[in-house]
Amino acid sequence: MTTSTSFDAPLAAISGSLTQLRDHIGALVATASRHPTAQRRAALVDVHHQLRLLGQRLNAALGAPPAQDPLPHEPPEPA
C-alpha cells in the first residue's frame, strides 16, 4: 500500500530542488551568453539533453492510465 507520505516527501524535495536547479541553469545560461565558447555550448547541450530525458520519463508516466484504487473491503454477509 502506498501512503501519501511516500509520495509527498519526494515531491517536496523535488520541488525545492527544481527551484534551485532553475537558478543554477539561469546562472549557467547567463554566463554562457556573456562569454560564449564551444565548451560552454557543449555543457548547455548536455544539460538540455539530461532535462529532455527527465521530461520523457515524466511524459511516459503521465501517459500511463492511472492506477485504480482497490475496491473497499466489504464485510461478509451474515449467514
PDB file of N, CA and C in Angstrom:
ATOM      1  N   MET A   1       0.843  -1.165   0.000  1.00  0.00           N
ATOM      2  CA  MET A   1       0.000   0.000   0.000  1.00  0.00           C
ATOM      3  C   MET A   1       0.899   1.243   0.000  1.00  0.00           C
ATOM      4  N   THR A   2       0.529   2.218  -0.802  1.00  0.00           N
ATOM      5  CA  THR A   2       1.284   3.452  -0.893  1.00  0.00           C
ATOM      6  C   THR A   2       0.616   4.513  -0.042  1.00  0.00           C
ATOM      7  N   THR A   3       1.391   5.121   0.824  1.00  0.00           N
ATOM      8  CA  THR A   3       0.839   6.204   1.639  1.00  0.00           C
ATOM      9  C   THR A   3       1.147   7.522   0.962  1.00  0.00           C
ATOM     10  N   SER A   4       0.409   8.550   1.344  1.00  0.00           N
ATOM     11  CA  SER A   4       0.676   9.857   0.748  1.00  0.00           C
ATOM     12  C   SER A   4       2.058  10.356   1.138  1.00  0.00           C
ATOM     13  N   THR A   5       2.568   9.962   2.286  1.00  0.00           N
ATOM     14  CA  THR A   5       3.900  10.391   2.716  1.00  0.00           C
ATOM     15  C   THR A   5       4.968   9.865   1.775  1.00  0.00           C
ATOM     16  N   SER A   6       4.820   8.643   1.276  1.00  0.00           N
ATOM     17  CA  SER A   6       5.827   8.090   0.370  1.00  0.00           C
ATOM     18  C   SER A   6       5.813   8.812  -0.965  1.00  0.00           C
ATOM     19  N   PHE A   7       4.764   9.544  -1.253  1.00  0.00           N
ATOM     20  CA  PHE A   7       4.693  10.363  -2.457  1.00  0.00           C
ATOM     21  C   PHE A   7       5.020  11.819  -2.138  1.00  0.00           C
ATOM     22  N   ASP A   8       4.471  12.333  -1.048  1.00  0.00           N
ATOM     23  CA  ASP A   8       4.597  13.750  -0.712  1.00  0.00           C
ATOM     24  C   ASP A   8       6.025  14.142  -0.340  1.00  0.00           C
ATOM     25  N   ALA A   9       6.731  13.281   0.363  1.00  0.00           N
ATOM     26  CA  ALA A   9       8.090  13.626   0.785  1.00  0.00           C
ATOM     27  C   ALA A   9       9.014  13.821  -0.423  1.00  0.00           C
ATOM     28  N   PRO A  10       9.056  12.874  -1.365  1.00  0.00           N
ATOM     29  CA  PRO A  10       9.903  13.117  -2.540  1.00  0.00           C
ATOM     30  C   PRO A  10       9.418  14.307  -3.369  1.00  0.00           C
ATOM     31  N   LEU A  11       8.115  14.511  -3.440  1.00  0.00           N
ATOM     32  CA  LEU A  11       7.571  15.629  -4.204  1.00  0.00           C
ATOM     33  C   LEU A  11       8.051  16.956  -3.620  1.00  0.00           C
ATOM     34  N   ALA A  12       8.036  17.083  -2.314  1.00  0.00           N
ATOM     35  CA  ALA A  12       8.512  18.312  -1.661  1.00  0.00           C
ATOM     36  C   ALA A  12      10.000  18.519  -1.933  1.00  0.00           C
ATOM     37  N   ALA A  13      10.774  17.450  -1.856  1.00  0.00           N
ATOM     38  CA  ALA A  13      12.213  17.556  -2.111  1.00  0.00           C
ATOM     39  C   ALA A  13      12.470  17.944  -3.567  1.00  0.00           C
ATOM     40  N   ILE A  14      11.716  17.364  -4.476  1.00  0.00           N
ATOM     41  CA  ILE A  14      11.873  17.669  -5.896  1.00  0.00           C
ATOM     42  C   ILE A  14      11.513  19.121  -6.173  1.00  0.00           C
ATOM     43  N   SER A  15      10.438  19.603  -5.570  1.00  0.00           N
ATOM     44  CA  SER A  15      10.031  20.994  -5.792  1.00  0.00           C
ATOM     45  C   SER A  15      11.131  21.961  -5.378  1.00  0.00           C
ATOM     46  N   GLY A  16      11.720  21.720  -4.220  1.00  0.00           N
ATOM     47  CA  GLY A  16      12.826  22.563  -3.771  1.00  0.00           C
ATOM     48  C   GLY A  16      14.034  22.448  -4.678  1.00  0.00           C
ATOM     49  N   SER A  17      14.326  21.241  -5.103  1.00  0.00           N
ATOM     50  CA  SER A  17      15.477  21.024  -5.982  1.00  0.00           C
ATOM     51  C   SER A  17      15.263  21.675  -7.348  1.00  0.00           C
ATOM     52  N   LEU A  18      14.041  21.632  -7.855  1.00  0.00           N
ATOM     53  CA  LEU A  18      13.767  22.249  -9.153  1.00  0.00           C
ATOM     54  C   LEU A  18      13.934  23.765  -9.099  1.00  0.00           C
ATOM     55  N   THR A  19      13.533  24.368  -7.989  1.00  0.00           N
ATOM     56  CA  THR A  19      13.726  25.808  -7.833  1.00  0.00           C
ATOM     57  C   THR A  19      15.216  26.139  -7.864  1.00  0.00           C
ATOM     58  N   GLN A  20      15.991  25.355  -7.138  1.00  0.00           N
ATOM     59  CA  GLN A  20      17.436  25.565  -7.113  1.00  0.00           C
ATOM     60  C   GLN A  20      18.036  25.288  -8.490  1.00  0.00           C
ATOM     61  N   LEU A  21      17.561  24.250  -9.161  1.00  0.00           N
ATOM     62  CA  LEU A  21      18.065  23.907 -10.485  1.00  0.00           C
ATOM     63  C   LEU A  21      17.791  25.036 -11.479  1.00  0.00           C
ATOM     64  N   ARG A  22      16.592  25.620 -11.413  1.00  0.00           N
ATOM     65  CA  ARG A  22      16.269  26.754 -12.287  1.00  0.00           C
ATOM     66  C   ARG A  22      17.250  27.902 -12.071  1.00  0.00           C
ATOM     67  N   ASP A  23      17.554  28.166 -10.816  1.00  0.00           N
ATOM     68  CA  ASP A  23      18.506  29.236 -10.510  1.00  0.00           C
ATOM     69  C   ASP A  23      19.893  28.927 -11.076  1.00  0.00           C
ATOM     70  N   HIS A  24      20.333  27.696 -10.892  1.00  0.00           N
ATOM     71  CA  HIS A  24      21.654  27.295 -11.395  1.00  0.00           C
ATOM     72  C   HIS A  24      21.706  27.351 -12.919  1.00  0.00           C
ATOM     73  N   ILE A  25      20.657  26.865 -13.556  1.00  0.00           N
ATOM     74  CA  ILE A  25      20.623  26.888 -15.022  1.00  0.00           C
ATOM     75  C   ILE A  25      20.588  28.331 -15.516  1.00  0.00           C
ATOM     76  N   GLY A  26      19.825  29.180 -14.834  1.00  0.00           N
ATOM     77  CA  GLY A  26      19.803  30.599 -15.214  1.00  0.00           C
ATOM     78  C   GLY A  26      21.177  31.224 -15.153  1.00  0.00           C
ATOM     79  N   ALA A  27      21.914  30.934 -14.107  1.00  0.00           N
ATOM     80  CA  ALA A  27      23.273  31.461 -13.968  1.00  0.00           C
ATOM     81  C   ALA A  27      24.191  30.898 -15.046  1.00  0.00           C
ATOM     82  N   LEU A  28      24.054  29.613 -15.335  1.00  0.00           N
ATOM     83  CA  LEU A  28      24.866  28.971 -16.365  1.00  0.00           C
ATOM     84  C   LEU A  28      24.592  29.588 -17.731  1.00  0.00           C
ATOM     85  N   VAL A  29      23.318  29.784 -18.046  1.00  0.00           N
ATOM     86  CA  VAL A  29      22.932  30.370 -19.330  1.00  0.00           C
ATOM     87  C   VAL A  29      23.420  31.812 -19.426  1.00  0.00           C
ATOM     88  N   ALA A  30      23.284  32.569 -18.348  1.00  0.00           N
ATOM     89  CA  ALA A  30      23.733  33.964 -18.360  1.00  0.00           C
ATOM     90  C   ALA A  30      25.236  34.053 -18.615  1.00  0.00           C
ATOM     91  N   THR A  31      25.991  33.197 -17.951  1.00  0.00           N
ATOM     92  CA  THR A  31      27.444  33.203 -18.143  1.00  0.00           C
ATOM     93  C   THR A  31      27.803  32.782 -19.559  1.00  0.00           C
ATOM     94  N   ALA A  32      27.135  31.761 -20.069  1.00  0.00           N
ATOM     95  CA  ALA A  32      27.414  31.297 -21.427  1.00  0.00           C
ATOM     96  C   ALA A  32      27.032  32.354 -22.456  1.00  0.00           C
ATOM     97  N   SER A  33      25.996  33.134 -22.172  1.00  0.00           N
ATOM     98  CA  SER A  33      25.566  34.190 -23.095  1.00  0.00           C
ATOM     99  C   SER A  33      26.569  35.344 -23.128  1.00  0.00           C
ATOM    100  N   ARG A  34      27.107  35.669 -21.952  1.00  0.00           N
ATOM    101  CA  ARG A  34      28.066  36.780 -21.876  1.00  0.00           C
ATOM    102  C   ARG A  34      29.412  36.414 -22.505  1.00  0.00           C
ATOM    103  N   HIS A  35      29.812  35.178 -22.336  1.00  0.00           N
ATOM    104  CA  HIS A  35      31.120  34.726 -22.826  1.00  0.00           C
ATOM    105  C   HIS A  35      30.957  33.375 -23.531  1.00  0.00           C
ATOM    106  N   PRO A  36      30.358  33.389 -24.734  1.00  0.00           N
ATOM    107  CA  PRO A  36      30.108  32.111 -25.413  1.00  0.00           C
ATOM    108  C   PRO A  36      31.409  31.436 -25.876  1.00  0.00           C
ATOM    109  N   THR A  37      31.489  30.155 -25.610  1.00  0.00           N
ATOM    110  CA  THR A  37      32.592  29.324 -26.107  1.00  0.00           C
ATOM    111  C   THR A  37      31.996  27.988 -26.529  1.00  0.00           C
ATOM    112  N   ALA A  38      32.746  27.252 -27.308  1.00  0.00           N
ATOM    113  CA  ALA A  38      32.289  25.938 -27.742  1.00  0.00           C
ATOM    114  C   ALA A  38      32.108  25.004 -26.540  1.00  0.00           C
ATOM    115  N   GLN A  39      32.981  25.129 -25.555  1.00  0.00           N
ATOM    116  CA  GLN A  39      32.895  24.280 -24.367  1.00  0.00           C
ATOM    117  C   GLN A  39      31.631  24.597 -23.558  1.00  0.00           C
ATOM    118  N   ARG A  40      31.300  25.869 -23.428  1.00  0.00           N
ATOM    119  CA  ARG A  40      30.091  26.243 -22.691  1.00  0.00           C
ATOM    120  C   ARG A  40      28.838  25.809 -23.446  1.00  0.00           C
ATOM    121  N   ARG A  41      28.880  25.947 -24.770  1.00  0.00           N
ATOM    122  CA  ARG A  41      27.740  25.482 -25.567  1.00  0.00           C
ATOM    123  C   ARG A  41      27.549  23.978 -25.384  1.00  0.00           C
ATOM    124  N   ALA A  42      28.625  23.234 -25.397  1.00  0.00           N
ATOM    125  CA  ALA A  42      28.547  21.782 -25.207  1.00  0.00           C
ATOM    126  C   ALA A  42      27.965  21.445 -23.833  1.00  0.00           C
ATOM    127  N   ALA A  43      28.339  22.225 -22.831  1.00  0.00           N
ATOM    128  CA  ALA A  43      27.799  21.998 -21.487  1.00  0.00           C
ATOM    129  C   ALA A  43      26.300  22.264 -21.464  1.00  0.00           C
ATOM    130  N   LEU A  44      25.854  23.339 -22.133  1.00  0.00           N
ATOM    131  CA  LEU A  44      24.417  23.633 -22.202  1.00  0.00           C
ATOM    132  C   LEU A  44      23.663  22.546 -22.951  1.00  0.00           C
ATOM    133  N   VAL A  45      24.261  22.035 -24.016  1.00  0.00           N
ATOM    134  CA  VAL A  45      23.634  20.942 -24.771  1.00  0.00           C
ATOM    135  C   VAL A  45      23.488  19.709 -23.885  1.00  0.00           C
ATOM    136  N   ASP A  46      24.495  19.426 -23.076  1.00  0.00           N
ATOM    137  CA  ASP A  46      24.437  18.274 -22.179  1.00  0.00           C
ATOM    138  C   ASP A  46      23.328  18.452 -21.142  1.00  0.00           C
ATOM    139  N   VAL A  47      23.217  19.646 -20.564  1.00  0.00           N
ATOM    140  CA  VAL A  47      22.152  19.919 -19.586  1.00  0.00           C
ATOM    141  C   VAL A  47      20.792  19.759 -20.269  1.00  0.00           C
ATOM    142  N   HIS A  48      20.680  20.309 -21.465  1.00  0.00           N
ATOM    143  CA  HIS A  48      19.421  20.207 -22.211  1.00  0.00           C
ATOM    144  C   HIS A  48      19.055  18.742 -22.448  1.00  0.00           C
ATOM    145  N   HIS A  49      20.025  17.949 -22.822  1.00  0.00           N
ATOM    146  CA  HIS A  49      19.783  16.517 -23.070  1.00  0.00           C
ATOM    147  C   HIS A  49      19.293  15.815 -21.801  1.00  0.00           C
ATOM    148  N   GLN A  50      19.939  16.098 -20.685  1.00  0.00           N
ATOM    149  CA  GLN A  50      19.537  15.468 -19.425  1.00  0.00           C
ATOM    150  C   GLN A  50      18.116  15.880 -19.030  1.00  0.00           C
ATOM    151  N   LEU A  51      17.782  17.155 -19.230  1.00  0.00           N
ATOM    152  CA  LEU A  51      16.432  17.626 -18.912  1.00  0.00           C
ATOM    153  C   LEU A  51      15.394  16.984 -19.833  1.00  0.00           C
ATOM    154  N   ARG A  52      15.734  16.801 -21.101  1.00  0.00           N
ATOM    155  CA  ARG A  52      14.812  16.137 -22.031  1.00  0.00           C
ATOM    156  C   ARG A  52      14.555  14.693 -21.606  1.00  0.00           C
ATOM    157  N   LEU A  53      15.602  14.007 -21.153  1.00  0.00           N
ATOM    158  CA  LEU A  53      15.421  12.629 -20.690  1.00  0.00           C
ATOM    159  C   LEU A  53      14.471  12.580 -19.494  1.00  0.00           C
ATOM    160  N   LEU A  54      14.629  13.522 -18.573  1.00  0.00           N
ATOM    161  CA  LEU A  54      13.721  13.587 -17.430  1.00  0.00           C
ATOM    162  C   LEU A  54      12.297  13.882 -17.891  1.00  0.00           C
ATOM    163  N   GLY A  55      12.166  14.803 -18.830  1.00  0.00           N
ATOM    164  CA  GLY A  55      10.849  15.135 -19.371  1.00  0.00           C
ATOM    165  C   GLY A  55      10.197  13.944 -20.050  1.00  0.00           C
ATOM    166  N   GLN A  56      10.969  13.170 -20.787  1.00  0.00           N
ATOM    167  CA  GLN A  56      10.433  11.981 -21.446  1.00  0.00           C
ATOM    168  C   GLN A  56       9.923  10.974 -20.421  1.00  0.00           C
ATOM    169  N   ARG A  57      10.653  10.831 -19.345  1.00  0.00           N
ATOM    170  CA  ARG A  57      10.236   9.890 -18.304  1.00  0.00           C
ATOM    171  C   ARG A  57       8.933  10.347 -17.653  1.00  0.00           C
ATOM    172  N   LEU A  58       8.817  11.636 -17.386  1.00  0.00           N
ATOM    173  CA  LEU A  58       7.576  12.163 -16.814  1.00  0.00           C
ATOM    174  C   LEU A  58       6.420  12.044 -17.803  1.00  0.00           C
ATOM    175  N   ASN A  59       6.689  12.338 -19.071  1.00  0.00           N
ATOM    176  CA  ASN A  59       5.637  12.215 -20.079  1.00  0.00           C
ATOM    177  C   ASN A  59       5.143  10.773 -20.185  1.00  0.00           C
ATOM    178  N   ALA A  60       6.062   9.825 -20.101  1.00  0.00           N
ATOM    179  CA  ALA A  60       5.664   8.418 -20.152  1.00  0.00           C
ATOM    180  C   ALA A  60       4.779   8.069 -18.959  1.00  0.00           C
ATOM    181  N   ALA A  61       5.129   8.596 -17.798  1.00  0.00           N
ATOM    182  CA  ALA A  61       4.318   8.323 -16.604  1.00  0.00           C
ATOM    183  C   ALA A  61       2.947   8.981 -16.714  1.00  0.00           C
ATOM    184  N   LEU A  62       2.889  10.165 -17.285  1.00  0.00           N
ATOM    185  CA  LEU A  62       1.608  10.852 -17.444  1.00  0.00           C
ATOM    186  C   LEU A  62       0.729  10.185 -18.492  1.00  0.00           C
ATOM    187  N   GLY A  63       1.360   9.518 -19.442  1.00  0.00           N
ATOM    188  CA  GLY A  63       0.594   8.845 -20.490  1.00  0.00           C
ATOM    189  C   GLY A  63       0.008   7.526 -20.036  1.00  0.00           C
ATOM    190  N   ALA A  64       0.525   6.978 -18.973  1.00  0.00           N
ATOM    191  CA  ALA A  64       0.018   5.702 -18.462  1.00  0.00           C
ATOM    192  C   ALA A  64      -1.334   5.931 -17.793  1.00  0.00           C
ATOM    193  N   PRO A  65      -2.254   4.983 -17.957  1.00  0.00           N
ATOM    194  CA  PRO A  65      -3.545   5.162 -17.276  1.00  0.00           C
ATOM    195  C   PRO A  65      -3.351   5.127 -15.768  1.00  0.00           C
ATOM    196  N   PRO A  66      -4.091   5.960 -15.048  1.00  0.00           N
ATOM    197  CA  PRO A  66      -3.942   5.972 -13.591  1.00  0.00           C
ATOM    198  C   PRO A  66      -4.353   4.628 -13.000  1.00  0.00           C
ATOM    199  N   ALA A  67      -3.641   4.255 -11.968  1.00  0.00           N
ATOM    200  CA  ALA A  67      -3.980   3.011 -11.267  1.00  0.00           C
ATOM    201  C   ALA A  67      -5.322   3.192 -10.572  1.00  0.00           C
ATOM    202  N   GLN A  68      -6.110   2.167 -10.626  1.00  0.00           N
ATOM    203  CA  GLN A  68      -7.406   2.241  -9.966  1.00  0.00           C
ATOM    204  C   GLN A  68      -7.235   1.923  -8.491  1.00  0.00           C
ATOM    205  N   ASP A  69      -7.993   2.638  -7.688  1.00  0.00           N
ATOM    206  CA  ASP A  69      -7.976   2.362  -6.263  1.00  0.00           C
ATOM    207  C   ASP A  69      -8.605   0.993  -6.035  1.00  0.00           C
ATOM    208  N   PRO A  70      -8.064   0.236  -5.092  1.00  0.00           N
ATOM    209  CA  PRO A  70      -8.676  -1.063  -4.814  1.00  0.00           C
ATOM    210  C   PRO A  70     -10.101  -0.870  -4.292  1.00  0.00           C
ATOM    211  N   LEU A  71     -10.944  -1.824  -4.613  1.00  0.00           N
ATOM    212  CA  LEU A  71     -12.310  -1.754  -4.125  1.00  0.00           C
ATOM    213  C   LEU A  71     -12.309  -1.873  -2.598  1.00  0.00           C
ATOM    214  N   PRO A  72     -13.176  -1.120  -1.949  1.00  0.00           N
ATOM    215  CA  PRO A  72     -13.208  -1.226  -0.482  1.00  0.00           C
ATOM    216  C   PRO A  72     -13.636  -2.625  -0.076  1.00  0.00           C
ATOM    217  N   HIS A  73     -13.051  -3.057   1.016  1.00  0.00           N
ATOM    218  CA  HIS A  73     -13.355  -4.396   1.516  1.00  0.00           C
ATOM    219  C   HIS A  73     -14.743  -4.380   2.159  1.00  0.00           C
ATOM    220  N   GLU A  74     -15.574  -5.239   1.662  1.00  0.00           N
ATOM    221  CA  GLU A  74     -16.922  -5.324   2.243  1.00  0.00           C
ATOM    222  C   GLU A  74     -16.954  -6.509   3.204  1.00  0.00           C
ATOM    223  N   PRO A  75     -17.530  -6.315   4.381  1.00  0.00           N
ATOM    224  CA  PRO A  75     -17.604  -7.426   5.337  1.00  0.00           C
ATOM    225  C   PRO A  75     -18.504  -8.524   4.769  1.00  0.00           C
ATOM    226  N   PRO A  76     -18.219  -9.757   5.111  1.00  0.00           N
ATOM    227  CA  PRO A  76     -19.064 -10.851   4.614  1.00  0.00           C
ATOM    228  C   PRO A  76     -20.482 -10.720   5.161  1.00  0.00           C
ATOM    229  N   GLU A  77     -21.424 -11.150   4.341  1.00  0.00           N
ATOM    230  CA  GLU A  77     -22.816 -11.088   4.765  1.00  0.00           C
ATOM    231  C   GLU A  77     -23.076 -12.142   5.853  1.00  0.00           C
ATOM    232  N   PRO A  78     -23.891 -11.794   6.843  1.00  0.00           N
ATOM    233  CA  PRO A  78     -24.184 -12.778   7.905  1.00  0.00           C
ATOM    234  C   PRO A  78     -24.932 -13.977   7.322  1.00  0.00           C
ATOM    235  N   ALA A  79     -24.655 -15.151   7.867  1.00  0.00           N
ATOM    236  CA  ALA A  79     -25.277 -16.384   7.366  1.00  0.00           C
ATOM    237  C   ALA A  79     -26.684 -16.556   7.822  1.00  0.00           C
TER     238      ALA A  79
END
